Amino acid sequence: MAKKVIWSDRAKFELYDLLEYWIQRNKSEEYSIKLNGLFDEAVEQIRNYPESGKFSSDKNSRIKIVRDYLLLYENNETEILILTIWDSRQDPDSLKI
């Protein structure tokens, strides 16, 4: 059964910031629209199959890979909380959940 997905304020901001970055960099919305669609597909898969993500190092959250980005989320009995979106090309020590 599909669960309710809740985006943290941090994750919402990071997604917005990421999509805006690509709009400014490419001077077009085309890639941002495509990337947003990939995130939508990943969230839909998480909603239907919450155990499909790999465990992160803290074992309380899971990771879904979307291109170069990691979508970190927690799965509990009633809902899925999207914690953050992180660019995997960054220094791993800079990720704070």
C-alpha atoms as a PDB file:
ATOM      1  CA  MET A   1       0.000   0.000   0.000  1.00  0.00           C
ATOM      2  CA  ALA A   2       1.325   3.430  -0.955  1.00  0.00           C
ATOM      3  CA  LYS A   3       2.300   5.673   1.932  1.00  0.00           C
ATOM      4  CA  LYS A   4       1.972   9.420   2.339  1.00  0.00           C
ATOM      5  CA  VAL A   5       5.163  11.305   1.427  1.00  0.00           C
ATOM      6  CA  ILE A   6       6.134  14.417   3.387  1.00  0.00           C
ATOM      7  CA  TRP A   7       8.943  16.698   2.236  1.00  0.00           C
ATOM      8  CA  SER A   8      10.994  18.411   4.944  1.00  0.00           C
ATOM      9  CA  ASP A   9      11.459  22.165   4.549  1.00  0.00           C
ATOM     10  CA  ARG A  10      15.133  21.516   3.926  1.00  0.00           C
ATOM     11  CA  ALA A  11      14.413  19.045   1.095  1.00  0.00           C
ATOM     12  CA  LYS A  12      11.896  21.414  -0.510  1.00  0.00           C
ATOM     13  CA  PHE A  13      14.439  24.238  -0.445  1.00  0.00           C
ATOM     14  CA  GLU A  14      17.208  22.013  -1.828  1.00  0.00           C
ATOM     15  CA  LEU A  15      15.036  20.795  -4.702  1.00  0.00           C
ATOM     16  CA  TYR A  16      13.986  24.351  -5.559  1.00  0.00           C
ATOM     17  CA  ASP A  17      17.587  25.572  -5.321  1.00  0.00           C
ATOM     18  CA  LEU A  18      18.831  22.700  -7.480  1.00  0.00           C
ATOM     19  CA  LEU A  19      16.258  23.278 -10.203  1.00  0.00           C
ATOM     20  CA  GLU A  20      16.903  27.045 -10.165  1.00  0.00           C
ATOM     21  CA  TYR A  21      20.640  26.413 -10.463  1.00  0.00           C
ATOM     22  CA  TRP A  22      20.156  24.387 -13.643  1.00  0.00           C
ATOM     23  CA  ILE A  23      17.774  26.958 -15.117  1.00  0.00           C
ATOM     24  CA  GLN A  24      20.366  29.699 -14.584  1.00  0.00           C
ATOM     25  CA  ARG A  25      23.285  27.581 -15.745  1.00  0.00           C
ATOM     26  CA  ASN A  26      21.618  26.321 -18.929  1.00  0.00           C
ATOM     27  CA  LYS A  27      19.516  29.432 -19.612  1.00  0.00           C
ATOM     28  CA  SER A  28      16.637  27.033 -20.140  1.00  0.00           C
ATOM     29  CA  GLU A  29      14.051  25.187 -18.072  1.00  0.00           C
ATOM     30  CA  GLU A  30      14.290  22.012 -20.153  1.00  0.00           C
ATOM     31  CA  TYR A  31      16.844  20.133 -18.016  1.00  0.00           C
ATOM     32  CA  SER A  32      15.209  21.257 -14.748  1.00  0.00           C
ATOM     33  CA  ILE A  33      11.852  19.936 -15.933  1.00  0.00           C
ATOM     34  CA  LYS A  34      13.462  16.609 -16.848  1.00  0.00           C
ATOM     35  CA  LEU A  35      15.326  16.411 -13.521  1.00  0.00           C
ATOM     36  CA  ASN A  36      12.166  17.271 -11.566  1.00  0.00           C
ATOM     37  CA  GLY A  37      10.386  14.444 -13.412  1.00  0.00           C
ATOM     38  CA  LEU A  38      13.140  12.028 -12.363  1.00  0.00           C
ATOM     39  CA  PHE A  39      12.680  13.089  -8.731  1.00  0.00           C
ATOM     40  CA  ASP A  40       8.914  12.616  -9.092  1.00  0.00           C
ATOM     41  CA  GLU A  41       9.470   9.092 -10.437  1.00  0.00           C
ATOM     42  CA  ALA A  42      11.875   8.281  -7.587  1.00  0.00           C
ATOM     43  CA  VAL A  43       9.416   9.534  -4.966  1.00  0.00           C
ATOM     44  CA  GLU A  44       6.623   7.493  -6.547  1.00  0.00           C
ATOM     45  CA  GLN A  45       8.808   4.379  -6.403  1.00  0.00           C
ATOM     46  CA  ILE A  46       9.653   5.125  -2.758  1.00  0.00           C
ATOM     47  CA  ARG A  47       5.957   5.652  -1.998  1.00  0.00           C
ATOM     48  CA  ASN A  48       5.052   2.237  -3.416  1.00  0.00           C
ATOM     49  CA  TYR A  49       8.213   0.360  -2.397  1.00  0.00           C
ATOM     50  CA  PRO A  50       9.663   2.176   0.639  1.00  0.00           C
ATOM     51  CA  GLU A  51      12.190  -0.588   1.317  1.00  0.00           C
ATOM     52  CA  SER A  52      13.737  -0.203  -2.153  1.00  0.00           C
ATOM     53  CA  GLY A  53      16.274   2.424  -1.094  1.00  0.00           C
ATOM     54  CA  LYS A  54      19.674   1.462   0.258  1.00  0.00           C
ATOM     55  CA  PHE A  55      20.369   2.008   3.944  1.00  0.00           C
ATOM     56  CA  SER A  56      22.501   5.029   4.736  1.00  0.00           C
ATOM     57  CA  SER A  57      25.327   4.904   7.259  1.00  0.00           C
ATOM     58  CA  ASP A  58      23.032   5.802  10.184  1.00  0.00           C
ATOM     59  CA  LYS A  59      20.637   2.870   9.435  1.00  0.00           C
ATOM     60  CA  ASN A  60      17.574   5.053  10.162  1.00  0.00           C
ATOM     61  CA  SER A  61      17.392   6.594   6.731  1.00  0.00           C
ATOM     62  CA  ARG A  62      17.540   5.223   3.223  1.00  0.00           C
ATOM     63  CA  ILE A  63      18.974   6.547  -0.025  1.00  0.00           C
ATOM     64  CA  LYS A  64      17.443   6.647  -3.486  1.00  0.00           C
ATOM     65  CA  ILE A  65      19.821   7.635  -6.283  1.00  0.00           C
ATOM     66  CA  VAL A  66      18.581  10.144  -8.872  1.00  0.00           C
ATOM     67  CA  ARG A  67      21.342  10.813 -11.401  1.00  0.00           C
ATOM     68  CA  ASP A  68      24.163  12.510  -9.424  1.00  0.00           C
ATOM     69  CA  TYR A  69      21.908  13.187  -6.443  1.00  0.00           C
ATOM     70  CA  LEU A  70      21.019  11.219  -3.339  1.00  0.00           C
ATOM     71  CA  LEU A  71      17.472  11.485  -2.046  1.00  0.00           C
ATOM     72  CA  LEU A  72      17.598  10.659   1.662  1.00  0.00           C
ATOM     73  CA  TYR A  73      14.395   9.564   3.370  1.00  0.00           C
ATOM     74  CA  GLU A  74      13.026   7.895   6.463  1.00  0.00           C
ATOM     75  CA  ASN A  75      10.332   5.261   6.324  1.00  0.00           C
ATOM     76  CA  ASN A  76       7.982   4.661   9.236  1.00  0.00           C
ATOM     77  CA  GLU A  77       4.686   2.818   9.578  1.00  0.00           C
ATOM     78  CA  THR A  78       2.436   5.585   8.269  1.00  0.00           C
ATOM     79  CA  GLU A  79       4.551   7.913   6.132  1.00  0.00           C
ATOM     80  CA  ILE A  80       7.776   8.593   4.316  1.00  0.00           C
ATOM     81  CA  LEU A  81       9.751  11.712   5.182  1.00  0.00           C
ATOM     82  CA  ILE A  82      12.064  13.115   2.507  1.00  0.00           C
ATOM     83  CA  LEU A  83      14.973  14.495   4.536  1.00  0.00           C
ATOM     84  CA  THR A  84      17.340  16.026   2.030  1.00  0.00           C
ATOM     85  CA  ILE A  85      18.696  16.013  -1.514  1.00  0.00           C
ATOM     86  CA  TRP A  86      22.452  15.863  -1.739  1.00  0.00           C
ATOM     87  CA  ASP A  87      24.808  16.166  -4.698  1.00  0.00           C
ATOM     88  CA  SER A  88      26.945  13.018  -4.554  1.00  0.00           C
ATOM     89  CA  ARG A  89      29.869  14.855  -6.154  1.00  0.00           C
ATOM     90  CA  GLN A  90      30.376  16.826  -2.928  1.00  0.00           C
ATOM     91  CA  ASP A  91      32.632  15.897  -0.020  1.00  0.00           C
ATOM     92  CA  PRO A  92      30.791  13.170   1.947  1.00  0.00           C
ATOM     93  CA  ASP A  93      31.865  14.756   5.231  1.00  0.00           C
ATOM     94  CA  SER A  94      29.805  17.850   4.375  1.00  0.00           C
ATOM     95  CA  LEU A  95      26.503  15.922   4.514  1.00  0.00           C
ATOM     96  CA  LYS A  96      24.657  16.630   7.760  1.00  0.00           C
ATOM     97  CA  ILE A  97      21.301  14.970   8.266  1.00  0.00           C
END
